[in-house]
Amino acid sequence: MAPLVSTIEVTRLADRVFAYVTDPSRFSEWQHSVVSGQMDGTGTAEVGSRCITTRRIGFGERPSTSEVTRMQPPRRWAVHGVDGPIRAVVHVEVEPLDGDARSRVTIALDFEGHGIGKVLVPLVVRRQARREMPDNLRALNERLEREG
């Protein structure tokens, strides 16, 4: 299946938008199901480093680990899930607009199912992500524009 792609424009500089949207400790501020997030180890994000995100799934909370596969500040960032039955593949692009007065954020989200995840991804996970993405991007926009 094709990735779920969502885009939003934000009235903020690209480097500021990039820093916010790729910081796992800020994910819970704009992603509906995220409870917490952090970089593992040194705390710096570079290719090969890992981030741990805890999401609310059903009635419980489940941590998942992703590896940073692309890091090109302030334009491109990508992670790939490395554990669990449902592994997200996320690509973020931040494009400066109007001489960097605004930025366009594009998030491409896909999932790999392993074990029971092969059934859950098409039946539940993609649908839920498709429903949540517009609200997540609105929350991202509101948060960035409020912080100035």
N, C-alpha and C. Protein backbone atom coordinates (compact mmCIF):
# COMPACT_ATOMS: atom_id res chain seq x y z
N MET A 1 0.84 -1.19 0.00
CA MET A 1 0.00 0.00 0.00
C MET A 1 0.87 1.24 0.00
N ALA A 2 0.32 2.30 -0.55
CA ALA A 2 1.04 3.58 -0.57
C ALA A 2 1.03 4.21 0.81
N PRO A 3 2.09 4.95 1.14
CA PRO A 3 2.11 5.64 2.43
C PRO A 3 0.97 6.65 2.54
N LEU A 4 0.59 6.95 3.78
CA LEU A 4 -0.37 8.02 4.04
C LEU A 4 0.43 9.32 4.06
N VAL A 5 0.09 10.26 3.21
CA VAL A 5 0.85 11.50 3.09
C VAL A 5 -0.04 12.67 3.51
N SER A 6 0.48 13.48 4.43
CA SER A 6 -0.24 14.66 4.91
C SER A 6 0.69 15.86 4.87
N THR A 7 0.12 17.02 4.56
CA THR A 7 0.90 18.25 4.42
C THR A 7 0.19 19.39 5.13
N ILE A 8 1.00 20.29 5.71
CA ILE A 8 0.44 21.49 6.32
C ILE A 8 1.48 22.60 6.18
N GLU A 9 1.00 23.84 6.07
CA GLU A 9 1.89 24.99 6.03
C GLU A 9 1.84 25.71 7.36
N VAL A 10 3.03 26.13 7.82
CA VAL A 10 3.19 26.76 9.12
C VAL A 10 3.93 28.08 8.94
N THR A 11 3.50 29.10 9.63
CA THR A 11 4.15 30.40 9.54
C THR A 11 5.31 30.45 10.54
N ARG A 12 6.34 29.68 10.25
CA ARG A 12 7.55 29.61 11.08
C ARG A 12 8.73 29.23 10.20
N LEU A 13 9.94 29.57 10.65
CA LEU A 13 11.16 29.25 9.93
C LEU A 13 11.35 27.73 9.86
N ALA A 14 11.90 27.26 8.76
CA ALA A 14 12.07 25.82 8.52
C ALA A 14 12.93 25.16 9.60
N ASP A 15 14.02 25.81 10.03
CA ASP A 15 14.88 25.16 11.02
C ASP A 15 14.16 24.98 12.36
N ARG A 16 13.32 25.94 12.71
CA ARG A 16 12.55 25.84 13.96
C ARG A 16 11.49 24.74 13.85
N VAL A 17 10.81 24.69 12.72
CA VAL A 17 9.79 23.66 12.48
C VAL A 17 10.44 22.27 12.50
N PHE A 18 11.55 22.14 11.80
CA PHE A 18 12.25 20.86 11.74
C PHE A 18 12.65 20.39 13.14
N ALA A 19 13.23 21.27 13.93
CA ALA A 19 13.68 20.91 15.28
C ALA A 19 12.50 20.42 16.12
N TYR A 20 11.36 21.06 15.98
CA TYR A 20 10.19 20.68 16.78
C TYR A 20 9.58 19.36 16.30
N VAL A 21 9.35 19.24 15.02
CA VAL A 21 8.62 18.08 14.48
C VAL A 21 9.44 16.78 14.57
N THR A 22 10.75 16.88 14.71
CA THR A 22 11.60 15.69 14.79
C THR A 22 12.10 15.40 16.20
N ASP A 23 11.60 16.12 17.19
CA ASP A 23 12.02 15.93 18.58
C ASP A 23 11.04 14.98 19.28
N PRO A 24 11.45 13.73 19.55
CA PRO A 24 10.53 12.78 20.17
C PRO A 24 9.95 13.25 21.51
N SER A 25 10.69 14.07 22.25
CA SER A 25 10.16 14.55 23.54
C SER A 25 9.00 15.51 23.36
N ARG A 26 8.77 15.99 22.13
CA ARG A 26 7.66 16.90 21.83
C ARG A 26 6.48 16.20 21.14
N PHE A 27 6.66 14.93 20.74
CA PHE A 27 5.61 14.22 20.00
C PHE A 27 4.27 14.22 20.72
N SER A 28 4.29 14.06 22.03
CA SER A 28 3.03 13.98 22.78
C SER A 28 2.26 15.30 22.75
N GLU A 29 2.91 16.39 22.40
CA GLU A 29 2.26 17.70 22.33
C GLU A 29 1.38 17.84 21.10
N TRP A 30 1.66 17.05 20.06
CA TRP A 30 0.89 17.21 18.83
C TRP A 30 0.41 15.90 18.21
N GLN A 31 0.83 14.76 18.73
CA GLN A 31 0.36 13.48 18.21
C GLN A 31 -0.59 12.85 19.21
N HIS A 32 -1.81 12.64 18.78
CA HIS A 32 -2.92 12.20 19.62
C HIS A 32 -2.60 11.00 20.51
N SER A 33 -2.04 9.95 19.96
CA SER A 33 -1.87 8.71 20.73
C SER A 33 -0.53 8.60 21.46
N VAL A 34 0.35 9.59 21.31
CA VAL A 34 1.66 9.50 21.94
C VAL A 34 1.58 9.96 23.39
N VAL A 35 2.14 9.14 24.28
CA VAL A 35 2.20 9.45 25.71
C VAL A 35 3.54 10.09 26.04
N SER A 36 4.63 9.55 25.47
CA SER A 36 5.96 10.09 25.71
C SER A 36 6.91 9.67 24.60
N GLY A 37 8.04 10.37 24.52
CA GLY A 37 9.06 10.04 23.55
C GLY A 37 10.41 10.55 24.00
N GLN A 38 11.45 9.85 23.57
CA GLN A 38 12.80 10.28 23.93
C GLN A 38 13.80 9.62 23.01
N MET A 39 14.96 10.25 22.87
CA MET A 39 16.06 9.62 22.17
C MET A 39 16.73 8.67 23.15
N ASP A 40 17.16 7.54 22.66
CA ASP A 40 17.85 6.56 23.49
C ASP A 40 19.34 6.91 23.53
N GLY A 41 19.97 6.67 24.63
CA GLY A 41 21.42 6.87 24.72
C GLY A 41 21.82 8.32 24.87
N THR A 42 22.57 8.82 23.90
CA THR A 42 23.17 10.15 24.00
C THR A 42 22.14 11.27 23.90
N GLY A 43 20.99 10.99 23.35
CA GLY A 43 19.96 12.01 23.21
C GLY A 43 20.06 12.80 21.93
N THR A 44 21.12 12.63 21.17
CA THR A 44 21.25 13.33 19.90
C THR A 44 20.70 12.47 18.78
N ALA A 45 20.06 13.11 17.84
CA ALA A 45 19.48 12.39 16.72
C ALA A 45 20.45 12.42 15.54
N GLU A 46 20.89 11.25 15.16
CA GLU A 46 21.72 11.10 13.97
C GLU A 46 21.37 9.75 13.37
N VAL A 47 21.77 9.55 12.13
CA VAL A 47 21.46 8.28 11.49
C VAL A 47 22.02 7.14 12.34
N GLY A 48 21.16 6.16 12.62
CA GLY A 48 21.53 5.01 13.44
C GLY A 48 21.12 5.14 14.89
N SER A 49 20.84 6.36 15.35
CA SER A 49 20.38 6.50 16.73
C SER A 49 18.93 6.04 16.82
N ARG A 50 18.51 5.79 18.05
CA ARG A 50 17.17 5.24 18.25
C ARG A 50 16.33 6.14 19.13
N CYS A 51 15.04 6.14 18.83
CA CYS A 51 14.11 6.86 19.69
C CYS A 51 13.05 5.88 20.18
N ILE A 52 12.60 6.12 21.39
CA ILE A 52 11.58 5.28 22.01
C ILE A 52 10.34 6.13 22.19
N THR A 53 9.24 5.66 21.63
CA THR A 53 7.97 6.36 21.71
C THR A 53 6.96 5.45 22.38
N THR A 54 6.27 5.97 23.38
CA THR A 54 5.22 5.20 24.04
C THR A 54 3.88 5.74 23.57
N ARG A 55 3.05 4.85 23.05
CA ARG A 55 1.73 5.21 22.53
C ARG A 55 0.63 4.54 23.32
N ARG A 56 -0.49 5.21 23.37
CA ARG A 56 -1.70 4.64 23.95
C ARG A 56 -2.35 3.81 22.85
N ILE A 57 -2.47 2.52 23.10
CA ILE A 57 -3.08 1.61 22.13
C ILE A 57 -4.14 0.82 22.87
N GLY A 58 -5.38 1.04 22.50
CA GLY A 58 -6.48 0.39 23.21
C GLY A 58 -6.52 0.90 24.64
N PHE A 59 -6.46 -0.02 25.59
CA PHE A 59 -6.51 0.36 27.00
C PHE A 59 -5.14 0.38 27.65
N GLY A 60 -4.09 0.22 26.87
CA GLY A 60 -2.75 0.17 27.44
C GLY A 60 -1.79 1.11 26.76
N GLU A 61 -0.59 1.15 27.28
CA GLU A 61 0.49 1.94 26.71
C GLU A 61 1.58 0.99 26.26
N ARG A 62 2.09 1.22 25.06
CA ARG A 62 3.10 0.33 24.51
C ARG A 62 4.27 1.13 23.96
N PRO A 63 5.49 0.81 24.43
CA PRO A 63 6.66 1.47 23.86
C PRO A 63 7.05 0.82 22.54
N SER A 64 7.63 1.61 21.67
CA SER A 64 8.19 1.07 20.43
C SER A 64 9.49 1.82 20.14
N THR A 65 10.40 1.12 19.50
CA THR A 65 11.70 1.69 19.19
C THR A 65 11.81 1.88 17.68
N SER A 66 12.31 3.04 17.29
CA SER A 66 12.55 3.35 15.88
C SER A 66 14.00 3.79 15.71
N GLU A 67 14.54 3.49 14.57
CA GLU A 67 15.90 3.90 14.24
C GLU A 67 15.85 5.06 13.25
N VAL A 68 16.65 6.08 13.50
CA VAL A 68 16.74 7.20 12.57
C VAL A 68 17.48 6.71 11.33
N THR A 69 16.84 6.83 10.17
CA THR A 69 17.42 6.36 8.92
C THR A 69 17.85 7.50 8.01
N ARG A 70 17.38 8.71 8.33
CA ARG A 70 17.77 9.88 7.55
C ARG A 70 17.75 11.09 8.46
N MET A 71 18.79 11.90 8.38
CA MET A 71 18.88 13.11 9.19
C MET A 71 19.58 14.17 8.37
N GLN A 72 18.79 15.09 7.80
CA GLN A 72 19.32 16.17 6.99
C GLN A 72 18.66 17.48 7.42
N PRO A 73 19.05 18.01 8.58
CA PRO A 73 18.44 19.25 9.07
C PRO A 73 18.72 20.41 8.12
N PRO A 74 17.84 21.30 7.92
CA PRO A 74 16.47 21.38 8.44
C PRO A 74 15.43 20.90 7.44
N ARG A 75 15.77 19.91 6.61
CA ARG A 75 14.86 19.51 5.53
C ARG A 75 14.24 18.12 5.66
N ARG A 76 15.06 17.10 5.93
CA ARG A 76 14.54 15.72 5.87
C ARG A 76 14.96 14.90 7.09
N TRP A 77 14.01 14.06 7.51
CA TRP A 77 14.22 13.17 8.66
C TRP A 77 13.37 11.94 8.42
N ALA A 78 13.89 10.77 8.78
CA ALA A 78 13.11 9.54 8.63
C ALA A 78 13.48 8.57 9.74
N VAL A 79 12.48 7.78 10.14
CA VAL A 79 12.68 6.71 11.12
C VAL A 79 11.98 5.45 10.63
N HIS A 80 12.46 4.33 11.15
CA HIS A 80 11.91 3.03 10.78
C HIS A 80 11.80 2.21 12.06
N GLY A 81 10.59 1.71 12.35
CA GLY A 81 10.38 0.89 13.54
C GLY A 81 11.21 -0.37 13.48
N VAL A 82 11.73 -0.78 14.65
CA VAL A 82 12.60 -1.96 14.69
C VAL A 82 12.08 -3.07 15.60
N ASP A 83 10.96 -2.82 16.29
CA ASP A 83 10.44 -3.86 17.17
C ASP A 83 8.92 -3.87 17.16
N GLY A 84 8.36 -4.93 17.69
CA GLY A 84 6.91 -5.03 17.81
C GLY A 84 6.23 -5.53 16.55
N PRO A 85 4.95 -5.84 16.67
CA PRO A 85 4.20 -6.37 15.53
C PRO A 85 3.83 -5.30 14.49
N ILE A 86 3.84 -4.02 14.91
CA ILE A 86 3.51 -2.93 13.99
C ILE A 86 4.66 -1.95 14.01
N ARG A 87 5.30 -1.76 12.87
CA ARG A 87 6.49 -0.90 12.78
C ARG A 87 6.22 0.24 11.81
N ALA A 88 6.29 1.43 12.34
CA ALA A 88 6.05 2.62 11.51
C ALA A 88 7.28 2.96 10.69
N VAL A 89 7.02 3.46 9.50
CA VAL A 89 8.05 4.01 8.63
C VAL A 89 7.60 5.44 8.36
N VAL A 90 8.39 6.41 8.85
CA VAL A 90 7.99 7.81 8.80
C VAL A 90 9.04 8.63 8.08
N HIS A 91 8.59 9.43 7.13
CA HIS A 91 9.46 10.37 6.41
C HIS A 91 8.87 11.76 6.60
N VAL A 92 9.71 12.69 7.06
CA VAL A 92 9.30 14.08 7.28
C VAL A 92 10.13 14.96 6.36
N GLU A 93 9.45 15.87 5.69
CA GLU A 93 10.16 16.87 4.88
C GLU A 93 9.63 18.25 5.27
N VAL A 94 10.55 19.17 5.51
CA VAL A 94 10.21 20.55 5.83
C VAL A 94 10.78 21.42 4.70
N GLU A 95 9.89 22.11 4.01
CA GLU A 95 10.28 22.92 2.86
C GLU A 95 10.07 24.40 3.18
N PRO A 96 11.14 25.22 3.09
CA PRO A 96 10.98 26.65 3.32
C PRO A 96 10.15 27.29 2.20
N LEU A 97 9.29 28.22 2.57
CA LEU A 97 8.46 28.95 1.61
C LEU A 97 8.62 30.45 1.83
N ASP A 98 8.39 31.24 0.80
CA ASP A 98 8.42 32.71 0.92
C ASP A 98 9.69 33.20 1.59
N GLY A 99 10.83 32.76 1.10
CA GLY A 99 12.09 33.20 1.69
C GLY A 99 12.27 32.75 3.12
N ASP A 100 11.70 31.64 3.46
CA ASP A 100 11.76 31.02 4.79
C ASP A 100 10.86 31.70 5.82
N ALA A 101 9.90 32.50 5.35
CA ALA A 101 8.92 33.10 6.27
C ALA A 101 7.91 32.04 6.73
N ARG A 102 7.69 31.03 5.88
CA ARG A 102 6.76 29.95 6.19
C ARG A 102 7.44 28.63 5.83
N SER A 103 6.82 27.55 6.27
CA SER A 103 7.34 26.22 5.97
C SER A 103 6.20 25.27 5.63
N ARG A 104 6.47 24.37 4.72
CA ARG A 104 5.53 23.30 4.40
C ARG A 104 6.08 22.01 5.01
N VAL A 105 5.26 21.36 5.83
CA VAL A 105 5.63 20.10 6.46
C VAL A 105 4.86 18.98 5.76
N THR A 106 5.59 18.00 5.27
CA THR A 106 4.98 16.83 4.66
C THR A 106 5.43 15.60 5.44
N ILE A 107 4.45 14.83 5.88
CA ILE A 107 4.74 13.61 6.62
C ILE A 107 4.16 12.43 5.84
N ALA A 108 5.03 11.49 5.50
CA ALA A 108 4.61 10.26 4.83
C ALA A 108 4.73 9.14 5.87
N LEU A 109 3.64 8.44 6.10
CA LEU A 109 3.55 7.43 7.14
C LEU A 109 3.12 6.11 6.54
N ASP A 110 3.88 5.09 6.84
CA ASP A 110 3.53 3.75 6.39
C ASP A 110 3.79 2.78 7.54
N PHE A 111 3.35 1.57 7.39
CA PHE A 111 3.47 0.57 8.46
C PHE A 111 3.87 -0.77 7.88
N GLU A 112 4.68 -1.49 8.65
CA GLU A 112 5.01 -2.88 8.34
C GLU A 112 4.40 -3.74 9.44
N GLY A 113 3.70 -4.78 9.05
CA GLY A 113 3.14 -5.70 10.02
C GLY A 113 3.99 -6.94 10.15
N HIS A 114 4.21 -7.37 11.39
CA HIS A 114 4.95 -8.60 11.67
C HIS A 114 4.07 -9.44 12.58
N GLY A 115 3.95 -10.73 12.30
CA GLY A 115 3.07 -11.59 13.10
C GLY A 115 1.64 -11.09 13.00
N ILE A 116 0.98 -10.88 14.15
CA ILE A 116 -0.40 -10.40 14.19
C ILE A 116 -0.52 -9.02 13.54
N GLY A 117 0.57 -8.28 13.49
CA GLY A 117 0.57 -6.96 12.86
C GLY A 117 0.21 -7.00 11.39
N LYS A 118 0.47 -8.13 10.73
CA LYS A 118 0.11 -8.26 9.31
C LYS A 118 -1.39 -8.14 9.12
N VAL A 119 -2.16 -8.56 10.11
CA VAL A 119 -3.62 -8.45 10.05
C VAL A 119 -4.07 -7.08 10.53
N LEU A 120 -3.43 -6.59 11.61
CA LEU A 120 -3.85 -5.33 12.22
C LEU A 120 -3.56 -4.10 11.36
N VAL A 121 -2.46 -4.10 10.63
CA VAL A 121 -2.11 -2.91 9.83
C VAL A 121 -3.22 -2.54 8.86
N PRO A 122 -3.68 -3.42 7.99
CA PRO A 122 -4.72 -2.98 7.05
C PRO A 122 -6.11 -2.82 7.68
N LEU A 123 -6.41 -3.60 8.72
CA LEU A 123 -7.75 -3.56 9.30
C LEU A 123 -7.96 -2.43 10.30
N VAL A 124 -6.92 -2.08 11.07
CA VAL A 124 -7.08 -1.13 12.16
C VAL A 124 -6.10 0.04 12.08
N VAL A 125 -4.83 -0.27 11.97
CA VAL A 125 -3.78 0.73 12.13
C VAL A 125 -3.82 1.83 11.07
N ARG A 126 -3.91 1.45 9.81
CA ARG A 126 -3.95 2.48 8.74
C ARG A 126 -5.19 3.36 8.86
N ARG A 127 -6.32 2.75 9.18
CA ARG A 127 -7.55 3.55 9.33
C ARG A 127 -7.42 4.55 10.47
N GLN A 128 -6.90 4.09 11.60
CA GLN A 128 -6.74 4.98 12.74
C GLN A 128 -5.75 6.11 12.41
N ALA A 129 -4.65 5.78 11.76
CA ALA A 129 -3.67 6.80 11.39
C ALA A 129 -4.28 7.80 10.41
N ARG A 130 -5.05 7.32 9.46
CA ARG A 130 -5.71 8.21 8.49
C ARG A 130 -6.65 9.19 9.19
N ARG A 131 -7.36 8.71 10.22
CA ARG A 131 -8.27 9.58 10.99
C ARG A 131 -7.50 10.59 11.84
N GLU A 132 -6.39 10.16 12.44
CA GLU A 132 -5.65 11.01 13.37
C GLU A 132 -4.78 12.06 12.69
N MET A 133 -4.27 11.80 11.50
CA MET A 133 -3.30 12.70 10.88
C MET A 133 -3.80 14.13 10.72
N PRO A 134 -5.02 14.38 10.24
CA PRO A 134 -5.45 15.79 10.13
C PRO A 134 -5.45 16.51 11.48
N ASP A 135 -5.91 15.85 12.52
CA ASP A 135 -5.91 16.47 13.85
C ASP A 135 -4.48 16.66 14.36
N ASN A 136 -3.62 15.70 14.12
CA ASN A 136 -2.23 15.83 14.55
C ASN A 136 -1.57 17.03 13.86
N LEU A 137 -1.79 17.19 12.58
CA LEU A 137 -1.17 18.31 11.86
C LEU A 137 -1.75 19.65 12.30
N ARG A 138 -3.04 19.69 12.59
CA ARG A 138 -3.62 20.93 13.13
C ARG A 138 -3.00 21.27 14.48
N ALA A 139 -2.83 20.26 15.32
CA ALA A 139 -2.20 20.48 16.63
C ALA A 139 -0.75 20.93 16.46
N LEU A 140 -0.04 20.36 15.51
CA LEU A 140 1.33 20.76 15.22
C LEU A 140 1.37 22.23 14.82
N ASN A 141 0.49 22.61 13.91
CA ASN A 141 0.44 24.00 13.44
C ASN A 141 0.12 24.96 14.59
N GLU A 142 -0.89 24.64 15.36
CA GLU A 142 -1.28 25.50 16.49
C GLU A 142 -0.14 25.65 17.49
N ARG A 143 0.53 24.56 17.80
CA ARG A 143 1.60 24.58 18.78
C ARG A 143 2.76 25.44 18.28
N LEU A 144 3.16 25.24 17.03
CA LEU A 144 4.28 26.00 16.48
C LEU A 144 3.96 27.50 16.38
N GLU A 145 2.75 27.82 15.95
CA GLU A 145 2.41 29.23 15.79
C GLU A 145 2.20 29.91 17.14
N ARG A 146 1.78 29.18 18.14
CA ARG A 146 1.60 29.75 19.48
C ARG A 146 2.95 30.03 20.13
N GLU A 147 3.93 29.12 19.91
CA GLU A 147 5.23 29.27 20.56
C GLU A 147 6.06 30.39 19.95
N GLY A 148 5.74 30.78 18.73
CA GLY A 148 6.44 31.90 18.13
C GLY A 148 7.79 31.67 17.70
